[in-house]
Protein backbone atom coordinates (compact mmCIF):
# COMPACT_ATOMS: atom_id res chain seq x y z
CA MET A 1 134.59 109.49 108.21
CA SER A 2 134.12 107.35 104.95
CA ASN A 3 132.33 104.02 104.90
CA ILE A 4 134.39 101.75 102.87
CA PHE A 5 133.29 98.19 102.50
CA SER A 6 136.02 96.34 100.84
CA LEU A 7 137.55 92.67 100.72
CA ARG A 8 140.96 90.75 100.63
CA LYS A 9 142.09 87.43 100.78
CA ALA A 10 142.82 86.01 104.09
CA LEU A 11 146.29 85.88 105.42
CA ALA A 12 148.36 83.77 107.97
CA SER A 13 148.09 86.61 110.31
CA ASP A 14 144.09 86.16 110.08
CA ALA A 15 143.95 82.97 112.00
CA ARG A 16 143.47 84.03 115.37
CA THR A 17 140.46 86.55 114.27
CA VAL A 18 138.69 83.56 112.05
CA PHE A 19 139.01 81.22 115.16
CA HIS A 20 137.27 83.71 117.65
CA TRP A 21 134.74 84.23 115.08
CA ARG A 22 134.26 80.40 114.80
CA ASN A 23 133.55 80.12 118.05
CA ASP A 24 131.18 82.69 118.73
CA PRO A 25 128.01 81.08 120.00
CA SER A 26 125.77 82.76 117.32
CA ILE A 27 127.94 81.72 114.64
CA VAL A 28 128.17 77.98 115.55
CA ALA A 29 124.44 78.16 116.19
CA LYS A 30 124.28 78.82 112.56
CA GLY A 31 126.90 76.41 111.19
CA PHE A 32 126.68 72.63 110.38
CA LEU A 33 129.27 72.13 112.58
CA GLN A 34 127.22 72.89 115.49
CA ARG A 35 130.46 72.78 118.26
CA PRO A 36 132.91 74.88 118.65
CA VAL A 37 136.55 74.20 117.53
CA GLY A 38 140.39 73.98 119.53
CA TRP A 39 142.90 76.13 118.21
CA ASP A 40 145.40 72.77 117.36
CA GLU A 41 142.71 71.81 115.01
CA HIS A 42 141.75 75.29 113.70
CA ALA A 43 145.33 76.10 113.25
CA THR A 44 145.58 73.06 110.83
CA TRP A 45 142.26 73.87 108.78
CA PHE A 46 143.30 77.66 108.17
CA THR A 47 146.73 76.90 107.26
CA ASP A 48 145.41 74.16 104.87
CA LEU A 49 143.01 76.73 103.30
CA ILE A 50 145.18 79.69 102.85
CA LYS A 51 147.71 77.34 101.17
CA SER A 52 145.29 75.33 98.86
CA ASP A 53 144.24 75.66 94.90
CA THR A 54 141.21 74.53 95.50
CA ARG A 55 139.96 77.13 98.33
CA LEU A 56 139.85 80.86 98.59
CA MET A 57 139.14 82.64 101.88
CA PHE A 58 138.08 86.44 101.95
CA ILE A 59 138.05 89.08 104.65
CA LEU A 60 135.23 91.73 104.59
CA GLU A 61 136.23 94.86 105.72
CA GLN A 62 134.68 98.01 106.71
CA ASN A 63 137.06 100.95 106.95
CA GLU A 64 139.98 98.41 106.93
CA ASP A 65 138.41 96.74 109.97
CA PRO A 66 137.49 93.03 109.59
CA VAL A 67 133.98 92.42 109.97
CA GLY A 68 133.21 89.07 108.52
CA GLN A 69 134.54 86.18 106.25
CA MET A 70 133.73 84.41 103.08
CA ARG A 71 135.53 80.85 101.76
CA PHE A 72 134.68 79.28 98.43
CA ASP A 73 135.57 75.66 98.14
CA LEU A 74 136.15 74.15 94.60
CA GLU A 75 133.44 71.30 94.15
CA SER A 76 134.03 69.85 90.70
CA ASP A 77 135.36 71.91 87.44
CA VAL A 78 131.93 73.66 87.08
CA SER A 79 130.93 74.35 90.62
CA ALA A 80 131.87 76.03 93.96
CA GLU A 81 130.28 76.02 97.35
CA ILE A 82 130.06 79.77 99.38
CA SER A 83 130.20 79.76 103.09
CA ILE A 84 130.11 83.56 104.84
CA TYR A 85 129.22 84.76 108.51
CA MET A 86 129.54 88.51 109.70
CA ALA A 87 131.33 89.00 113.01
CA PRO A 88 129.31 89.50 115.82
CA GLY A 89 127.60 93.28 115.91
CA HIS A 90 127.80 93.50 112.09
CA GLU A 91 124.68 91.34 110.76
CA GLY A 92 121.83 92.82 109.35
CA GLN A 93 123.50 95.99 107.66
CA GLY A 94 123.58 94.76 104.12
CA LEU A 95 127.43 93.77 104.36
CA GLY A 96 126.92 89.97 103.55
CA VAL A 97 125.23 90.69 100.67
CA ALA A 98 127.57 93.27 99.22
CA GLY A 99 130.27 90.88 100.24
CA MET A 100 128.80 87.85 98.53
CA ARG A 101 128.52 90.17 95.35
CA LYS A 102 132.07 91.19 95.21
CA GLY A 103 133.20 87.57 96.25
CA CYS A 104 131.53 85.64 93.69
CA LEU A 105 132.96 88.39 91.01
CA GLU A 106 136.17 87.50 92.22
CA VAL A 107 135.57 84.04 92.11
CA PHE A 108 134.13 83.78 88.83
CA SER A 109 137.51 85.68 87.78
CA GLN A 110 139.99 83.16 89.07
CA TRP A 111 138.00 79.96 88.27
CA ALA A 112 136.39 78.67 85.50
CA ILE A 113 133.12 77.62 86.72
CA ASP A 114 129.57 77.89 85.82
CA HIS A 115 127.93 78.59 89.30
CA VAL A 116 128.34 79.14 92.76
CA VAL A 117 126.51 77.15 95.36
CA ALA A 118 125.20 77.99 98.71
CA ARG A 119 123.57 75.34 101.24
CA VAL A 120 122.15 76.90 104.14
CA ARG A 121 120.38 75.46 107.12
CA GLN A 122 116.17 75.41 106.60
CA ASP A 123 115.82 77.25 109.97
CA ASN A 124 118.62 80.18 109.15
CA GLU A 125 116.15 82.77 107.61
CA PRO A 126 118.37 85.58 107.48
CA ALA A 127 121.11 83.79 105.56
CA LYS A 128 118.40 82.67 103.04
CA LEU A 129 117.25 85.91 102.67
CA ALA A 130 120.77 87.40 102.21
CA PHE A 131 121.59 84.82 99.53
CA ALA A 132 118.22 85.87 97.66
CA LYS A 133 119.19 89.44 98.11
CA ALA A 134 122.80 88.40 96.46
CA GLY A 135 121.26 87.22 93.45
CA PHE A 136 120.92 83.39 94.10
CA ARG A 137 118.09 81.50 93.30
CA LEU A 138 116.43 78.80 95.08
CA GLN A 139 117.69 75.17 93.72
CA SER A 140 116.58 72.42 95.74
CA GLU A 141 115.86 70.85 99.52
CA THR A 142 117.06 68.09 100.95
CA VAL A 143 114.73 65.13 101.50
CA ASN A 144 114.36 65.75 104.88
CA TYR A 145 114.25 69.61 104.56
CA ASP A 146 116.82 70.37 106.77
CA ILE A 147 118.95 72.34 104.30
CA VAL A 148 118.38 74.66 101.54
CA GLU A 149 120.25 74.81 97.99
CA TYR A 150 120.56 78.32 96.43
CA LEU A 151 122.47 78.91 92.71
CA LEU A 152 124.31 81.55 91.45
CA ASP A 153 125.17 81.72 87.98
CA ARG A 154 128.19 82.96 86.33
CA PRO A 155 126.86 86.35 84.87
CA VAL A 156 126.89 87.20 81.28
CA ASP A 157 129.69 89.71 80.01
CA VAL A 158 128.95 93.06 80.38
CA PRO A 159 129.66 94.28 76.55
CA HIS A 160 131.52 97.53 75.88
CA ASN A 161 128.68 98.44 73.75
CA ARG A 162 125.39 97.65 73.58
CA LEU A 163 122.52 99.24 71.17
CA THR A 164 119.39 100.87 72.31
CA PHE A 165 116.21 100.26 70.64
CA GLY A 166 112.90 99.53 70.83
CA ALA A 167 109.37 99.16 69.77
CA GLU A 168 110.24 102.54 67.76
CA GLU A 169 112.98 101.37 65.93
CA VAL A 170 111.45 98.00 64.59
CA GLY A 171 108.03 99.75 63.70
CA ALA A 172 110.01 102.63 61.49
CA VAL A 173 112.28 99.95 59.81
CA SER A 174 109.24 97.44 59.23
CA ASN A 175 107.39 100.43 57.83
CA ALA A 176 109.92 101.41 55.61
CA VAL A 177 110.63 98.18 54.17
CA ALA A 178 106.61 97.71 53.70
CA SER A 179 106.28 100.92 51.72
CA GLY A 180 108.72 99.75 49.11
CA GLN A 181 110.95 102.91 48.77
CA TRP A 182 114.40 101.24 50.12
CA ALA A 183 116.76 102.93 48.23
CA GLU A 184 115.69 106.62 48.74
CA GLY A 185 112.44 108.06 50.35
CA PRO A 186 110.75 110.49 52.70
CA SER A 187 112.36 109.30 55.30
CA VAL A 188 115.85 110.60 54.60
CA ASN A 189 114.30 114.03 53.56
CA GLU A 190 112.65 114.08 57.22
CA LEU A 191 116.06 112.93 59.17
CA GLU A 192 117.94 115.82 57.24
CA ALA A 193 115.15 118.41 58.10
CA MET A 194 115.68 116.80 61.56
CA LEU A 195 119.28 117.40 61.89
CA ALA A 196 119.14 120.87 60.42
CA ASP A 197 116.71 121.82 63.47
CA VAL A 198 119.01 119.87 66.22
CA THR A 199 122.00 121.72 64.98
CA GLY A 200 120.67 124.95 64.03
CA ARG A 201 121.76 124.88 60.68
CA ARG A 202 120.13 125.84 57.10
CA THR A 203 120.29 122.14 55.91
CA ALA A 204 121.58 118.59 56.18
CA VAL A 205 122.38 116.07 53.26
CA CYS A 206 122.73 112.62 54.44
CA VAL A 207 125.03 110.11 53.00
CA GLY A 208 126.11 106.56 53.14
CA SER A 209 128.79 107.09 55.88
CA GLY A 210 130.72 109.07 58.12
CA LEU A 211 133.72 108.52 55.82
CA SER A 212 131.83 109.83 53.19
CA ALA A 213 130.39 112.88 55.02
CA LEU A 214 134.03 113.97 55.54
CA LYS A 215 135.23 113.31 51.99
CA LEU A 216 132.40 115.57 50.68
CA SER A 217 132.72 117.99 53.10
CA LEU A 218 136.08 118.29 52.04
CA LEU A 219 135.59 118.28 48.81
CA ALA A 220 132.69 121.15 48.71
CA LEU A 221 135.34 122.90 50.52
CA GLY A 222 137.46 123.19 47.95
CA VAL A 223 140.46 120.92 49.16
CA GLY A 224 141.74 118.83 46.30
CA SER A 225 145.28 117.07 45.64
CA GLY A 226 148.22 118.59 46.75
CA ASP A 227 146.34 120.06 49.58
CA GLU A 228 146.85 119.57 53.26
CA VAL A 229 144.57 119.10 56.48
CA ILE A 230 145.11 119.15 59.93
CA ILE A 231 143.33 116.66 62.10
CA PRO A 232 143.74 115.50 65.45
CA GLY A 233 146.33 112.82 65.69
CA TYR A 234 144.19 110.85 68.31
CA SER A 235 141.17 110.09 65.72
CA CYS A 236 139.41 107.35 64.03
CA VAL A 237 141.61 106.93 61.21
CA ALA A 238 138.49 107.40 58.89
CA LEU A 239 139.53 110.97 59.25
CA ALA A 240 142.82 110.16 57.32
CA ASN A 241 141.08 108.23 54.84
CA ALA A 242 138.94 110.82 53.78
CA VAL A 243 141.70 112.81 53.25
CA LEU A 244 143.78 110.53 51.32
CA SER A 245 141.15 109.61 49.39
CA ILE A 246 140.80 113.15 47.54
CA GLY A 247 144.58 113.06 47.25
CA ALA A 248 145.42 115.56 49.91
CA THR A 249 147.90 115.11 52.75
CA PRO A 250 146.52 114.62 56.47
CA ARG A 251 148.83 116.27 59.02
CA PRO A 252 148.01 114.65 62.13
CA ALA A 253 148.14 117.17 65.30
CA ASP A 254 149.10 116.68 69.02
CA VAL A 255 145.78 116.57 71.16
CA THR A 256 145.07 117.95 74.71
CA ALA A 257 146.22 115.25 77.40
CA GLY A 258 143.04 115.68 79.43
CA ASP A 259 140.17 115.55 76.74
CA GLY A 260 141.87 114.05 73.37
CA ASN A 261 140.68 117.12 71.74
CA LEU A 262 142.75 119.25 68.89
CA ALA A 263 143.81 122.73 70.59
CA PRO A 264 144.71 125.78 68.51
CA ASP A 265 148.60 125.56 69.79
CA HIS A 266 148.71 122.27 68.35
CA VAL A 267 147.34 123.61 65.19
CA ALA A 268 149.73 126.28 64.67
CA GLU A 269 152.58 123.62 64.81
CA HIS A 270 151.49 121.89 62.13
CA PHE A 271 149.97 125.13 59.70
CA SER A 272 151.58 125.93 56.23
CA LEU A 273 150.94 127.45 53.24
CA LYS A 274 149.26 124.30 51.82
CA THR A 275 146.73 123.99 54.82
CA ARG A 276 143.31 124.22 53.32
CA ALA A 277 141.11 122.87 55.89
CA ILE A 278 140.96 121.66 59.77
CA ILE A 279 139.16 118.63 61.11
CA ALA A 280 138.12 119.16 64.91
CA VAL A 281 136.32 115.94 66.61
CA HIS A 282 134.37 116.93 69.78
CA THR A 283 136.08 113.75 71.31
CA PHE A 284 133.85 111.50 73.44
CA GLY A 285 131.22 114.25 73.46
CA GLN A 286 133.55 117.07 75.16
CA PRO A 287 133.49 119.96 73.30
CA ALA A 288 136.18 120.93 71.27
CA GLU A 289 137.05 124.76 70.90
CA ILE A 290 136.09 125.42 67.70
CA ASN A 291 135.68 129.09 67.94
CA ASN A 292 139.95 129.25 68.69
CA ILE A 293 140.45 126.86 65.82
CA MET A 294 138.83 128.99 63.33
CA ARG A 295 141.06 131.75 63.69
CA PHE A 296 143.63 130.41 61.42
CA GLY A 297 141.58 131.49 58.77
CA VAL A 298 141.17 128.42 56.80
CA PRO A 299 137.74 125.99 56.40
CA VAL A 300 136.71 124.13 59.84
CA ILE A 301 135.09 120.77 59.55
CA GLU A 302 133.33 120.22 62.69
CA ASP A 303 132.68 116.33 63.49
CA CYS A 304 130.20 116.08 65.87
CA ALA A 305 129.16 112.67 66.16
CA HIS A 306 130.22 112.10 69.55
CA ALA A 307 128.19 115.19 70.49
CA LEU A 308 125.03 115.94 69.08
CA GLY A 309 122.51 117.51 71.32
CA ILE A 310 123.81 120.24 73.53
CA ARG A 311 125.02 124.05 72.93
CA HIS A 312 128.77 125.17 73.43
CA ASN A 313 129.38 128.96 73.93
CA GLY A 314 125.33 129.81 73.20
CA ARG A 315 125.37 127.95 70.15
CA PRO A 316 124.12 124.17 69.13
CA ILE A 317 126.82 121.96 68.68
CA GLY A 318 127.29 121.26 64.87
CA SER A 319 126.68 125.08 64.00
CA LEU A 320 129.95 125.89 65.05
CA GLY A 321 132.36 125.05 62.18
CA ASN A 322 131.98 126.21 58.36
CA VAL A 323 130.46 122.75 57.93
CA SER A 324 129.66 119.83 60.11
CA ILE A 325 129.24 116.32 59.94
CA THR A 326 127.91 113.31 61.86
CA SER A 327 127.96 109.77 61.52
CA PHE A 328 125.22 107.14 62.12
CA TYR A 329 127.28 104.01 62.73
CA ALA A 330 125.82 101.42 64.44
CA THR A 331 127.38 102.29 67.97
CA LYS A 332 127.65 105.88 67.26
CA LEU A 333 125.67 108.47 69.61
CA ILE A 334 122.81 108.09 67.14
CA GLY A 335 123.05 104.99 65.34
CA SER A 336 121.00 103.41 62.02
CA GLY A 337 123.67 100.90 61.08
CA ALA A 338 125.48 102.86 58.79
CA GLY A 339 125.25 106.69 57.22
CA GLY A 340 126.45 109.78 57.89
CA ALA A 341 125.56 112.97 56.86
CA VAL A 342 126.85 116.85 56.08
CA ILE A 343 125.10 119.49 57.92
CA LEU A 344 125.63 123.22 56.44
CA ASP A 345 124.07 126.35 55.66
CA ASP A 346 125.56 127.38 52.18
CA PRO A 347 123.44 126.42 49.39
CA GLN A 348 126.46 125.90 46.28
CA GLN A 349 127.92 123.59 48.98
CA GLU A 350 124.66 121.77 49.85
CA ALA A 351 124.35 121.16 45.92
CA TYR A 352 127.44 120.26 45.21
CA VAL A 353 127.52 117.32 47.83
CA ARG A 354 124.02 116.32 46.63
CA GLN A 355 125.28 116.22 43.24
CA MET A 356 128.52 114.22 44.45
CA ARG A 357 126.99 111.29 46.47
CA ASP A 358 125.34 109.99 43.48
CA TYR A 359 126.79 109.16 39.96
CA VAL A 360 123.62 108.28 38.67
CA ASP A 361 122.89 109.82 35.27
CA GLN A 362 125.73 111.98 35.27
CA PRO A 363 128.85 112.18 33.74
CA ALA A 364 132.03 109.86 34.53
CA CYS A 365 134.05 111.16 37.35
CA GLY A 366 136.55 109.56 39.75
CA LEU A 367 135.28 111.40 42.76
CA ARG A 368 131.72 110.79 42.26
CA ALA A 369 130.03 107.64 44.07
CA ASN A 370 127.05 105.73 45.09
CA ASP A 371 127.07 107.51 49.03
CA LYS A 372 123.28 108.02 49.46
CA MET A 373 121.99 106.98 52.47
CA THR A 374 118.74 104.18 52.42
CA ASN A 375 115.59 104.88 53.47
CA ILE A 376 115.64 101.70 55.69
CA ASP A 377 118.75 103.53 57.39
CA ALA A 378 117.04 106.90 57.86
CA ALA A 379 114.06 105.36 59.08
CA LEU A 380 116.06 103.74 61.62
CA GLY A 381 117.93 106.90 62.18
CA LEU A 382 114.98 108.83 62.64
CA ALA A 383 113.75 106.99 65.51
CA GLN A 384 116.91 106.90 67.32
CA LEU A 385 116.98 110.57 67.06
CA ARG A 386 113.32 111.23 68.33
CA ARG A 387 114.79 109.38 71.46
CA MET A 388 118.16 111.38 71.69
CA ASP A 389 117.03 113.39 74.79
CA ALA A 390 116.05 110.45 76.64
CA MET A 391 119.15 108.46 75.86
CA LEU A 392 121.27 111.54 76.68
CA VAL A 393 119.82 111.66 80.03
CA ALA A 394 120.45 108.02 80.59
CA ARG A 395 123.81 108.47 79.91
CA TYR A 396 124.27 111.40 81.71
CA ARG A 397 123.04 109.84 85.12
CA LEU A 398 125.58 106.57 84.50
CA ALA A 399 128.29 109.02 84.29
CA GLU A 400 127.63 110.76 87.28
CA ARG A 401 127.38 107.58 88.70
CA TYR A 402 130.65 106.30 87.64
CA LEU A 403 132.11 109.79 88.66
CA GLU A 404 131.09 109.29 92.14
CA ILE A 405 131.97 105.71 92.69
CA LEU A 406 135.33 105.90 90.73
CA GLY A 407 135.92 109.58 92.28
CA GLU A 408 136.00 107.66 96.10
CA LEU A 409 138.24 104.95 94.37
CA HIS A 410 140.37 107.67 92.87
CA ASN A 411 140.36 109.39 96.35
CA ARG A 412 141.72 106.23 97.94
CA THR A 413 144.22 104.76 95.65
CA GLY A 414 144.84 106.82 92.60
CA GLY A 415 146.56 105.38 89.54
CA PHE A 416 144.21 106.78 86.78
CA ASN A 417 142.69 110.28 86.30
CA LEU A 418 138.50 110.72 85.53
CA PRO A 419 137.56 112.38 82.43
CA GLU A 420 136.69 115.95 82.11
CA ASN A 421 133.51 117.26 83.27
CA ASN A 422 133.74 120.86 83.06
CA GLY A 423 130.53 122.26 81.46
CA PRO A 424 128.04 120.93 79.30
CA ARG A 425 129.00 117.83 77.62
CA ILE A 426 127.60 114.41 75.96
CA TRP A 427 128.45 111.47 77.55
CA TYR A 428 129.28 109.28 74.34
CA ARG A 429 132.32 107.07 76.04
CA PHE A 430 133.63 107.29 79.76
CA VAL A 431 137.32 107.26 79.12
CA VAL A 432 139.61 107.26 82.17
CA GLY A 433 143.52 108.07 82.01
CA MET A 434 145.52 105.31 83.37
CA THR A 435 148.63 106.44 85.31
CA SER A 436 149.96 103.38 86.85
CA LYS A 437 149.12 100.72 84.48
CA SER A 438 148.86 100.60 80.70
CA ALA A 439 145.42 100.36 79.00
CA GLY A 440 145.94 96.75 77.90
CA GLU A 441 146.45 95.69 81.12
CA ILE A 442 143.43 96.98 82.69
CA ILE A 443 141.38 95.86 79.59
CA ASP A 444 142.81 92.06 79.90
CA THR A 445 142.18 91.76 83.32
CA MET A 446 138.64 93.51 83.45
CA ARG A 447 138.10 90.96 80.41
CA ALA A 448 138.62 88.14 83.06
CA TYR A 449 135.74 89.61 85.56
CA GLY A 450 133.57 89.52 82.77
CA VAL A 451 133.58 93.09 81.87
CA LYS A 452 134.62 94.43 78.06
CA ALA A 453 136.45 97.48 78.42
CA ASP A 454 138.37 98.88 75.31
CA LYS A 455 140.64 101.25 73.78
CA PRO A 456 138.31 103.93 72.36
CA VAL A 457 140.77 104.68 69.41
CA HIS A 458 143.21 102.48 67.72
CA CYS A 459 146.54 103.96 66.91
CA TRP A 460 147.14 104.49 63.42
CA LEU A 461 149.97 106.88 63.36
CA SER A 462 153.72 105.56 63.08
CA PRO A 463 156.14 105.43 65.93
CA GLU A 464 158.10 108.75 64.51
CA GLN A 465 154.56 110.48 64.30
CA LEU A 466 153.66 109.31 68.28
CA ARG A 467 157.32 110.25 68.89
CA ASP A 468 156.27 114.35 68.26
CA ARG A 469 153.23 114.37 69.72
CA PRO A 470 152.87 112.75 73.51
CA GLY A 471 149.44 113.86 73.86
CA VAL A 472 148.58 111.57 70.88
CA SER A 473 150.76 108.82 72.34
CA ALA A 474 149.99 109.05 75.90
CA ALA A 475 146.12 108.86 74.70
CA PHE A 476 146.70 105.76 72.80
CA ASP A 477 148.68 104.14 75.55
CA CYS A 478 146.67 105.30 78.59
CA PHE A 479 143.11 105.88 77.85
CA VAL A 480 140.64 103.03 78.77
CA SER A 481 136.85 103.37 77.75
CA LEU A 482 134.43 101.55 80.36
CA PRO A 483 131.27 100.81 79.21
CA LEU A 484 128.54 103.52 78.89
CA TYR A 485 125.38 103.30 77.31
CA PRO A 486 121.67 103.93 78.08
CA THR A 487 120.79 100.20 78.69
CA LEU A 488 123.86 99.70 81.43
CA THR A 489 122.11 98.47 84.83
CA GLU A 490 123.22 99.77 88.11
CA GLU A 491 124.05 95.98 88.50
CA GLU A 492 126.43 95.92 85.67
CA GLN A 493 127.86 99.22 86.47
CA ASP A 494 128.49 97.84 89.82
CA ARG A 495 130.48 95.31 87.70
CA VAL A 496 132.52 97.31 85.79
CA CYS A 497 133.47 99.39 88.83
CA HIS A 498 134.68 96.36 90.81
CA ALA A 499 136.50 95.00 87.87
CA PHE A 500 138.51 98.45 87.41
CA GLU A 501 139.24 98.40 91.14
CA HIS A 502 140.77 95.26 90.76
CA ALA A 503 142.47 95.83 87.68
CA THR A 504 143.91 98.57 89.12
CA ILE A 505 144.69 97.89 92.66
CA ARG A 506 143.88 93.87 92.50
CA VAL A 507 142.91 92.28 95.69
CA LYS A 508 145.48 92.25 98.33
């Protein structure tokens, strides 16, 4: 039998159960009232409580059986007091601690208070230990030392993304600055060599951004004005911008509903005599079927910004397309603040990209720009790439924990689909697909719990284009990205899961 622990708001029908709890000798002995209560007194108190705007009571349940109660009383604009006890036979199992954590998150979401205060009898050692385990800190003791006061501050919001860095990154940037080689330098060359090694390519050319990498890849493949390029409709607008910047026309294709990746049958719907290239993204780290997309006979640019570091069909991600690109934007899998890279095998294409990323001492050309990566950005990117394996392992462990916790919730309530986990993948984002509520509603509700989820990609297509691409439309409407990054703690992840659960089903 599953062991499901939850809390819900108290109902009028709970009055009799709470009455018996309040009069249990073990609970009376630990409380401040120190006496049993009569039914009339209790009924009046309980009725007033559940109708009050300044008091909240939750019933703690295990497998839908009531096992305790928790009450919050609003004391001021900044503070509420908590009171909790477990039903006889359910003490000492950690349920009270779990209930306090959930209940306080719920109260912080409903009241704009700064902290929750707990007042405990000095001789109630189990309660003092439980509050400490739940994260409360000792605040004060009364003059006669009969009462101990604990405080729990409103937790800091869990961000959607948080950078992962340490002494390695600080030292790498400091050394690059001290070298006096800021614009170009040895770190750029070293990063290019390491990228080629990671992807199994002959070489890489670092540039100023991921968008620049896309643009220069298209140019190196001979794409130009009047040509068409098929791209996934569910993708960053940078793909369309890169195509438009060289005078070509982006043709957004539909995507697979489960993973948001471009699929061959969707490519076929938009393929024409003008199609000169296809851009395929390993969306959120789920490998796209590059081999099948390449059968159309035009060059395929493999966007592996979400998926560096694994193999697909026996080959490294980044080696599957005719040309590959990545981005080093700060929030990408490997971040350097800014920058990107074209990763390729053809020497002529390499020479072209190196020539076109710079305009100095060359003839005037509207396509040529200052698209070089700086030595400082490259030093930061190198430090990140060197710790990539450890960061990927951390992401994997967090994703597995999400799948376990939210998998149980899905089995119990439904309302969403978990991300695909078929074969090797990178957990760049943990994206759930809502089936009962819109992504926007879930995101707004989670924000009230101090958790910042987000739409992983923002819509740039027209309403007409969305109507013809149901997979893209559903992804924009339904996909919610939950916080996932190497520095996410288990406590923060528990808060994310709590917020998502209540955004999905709400407290009864």
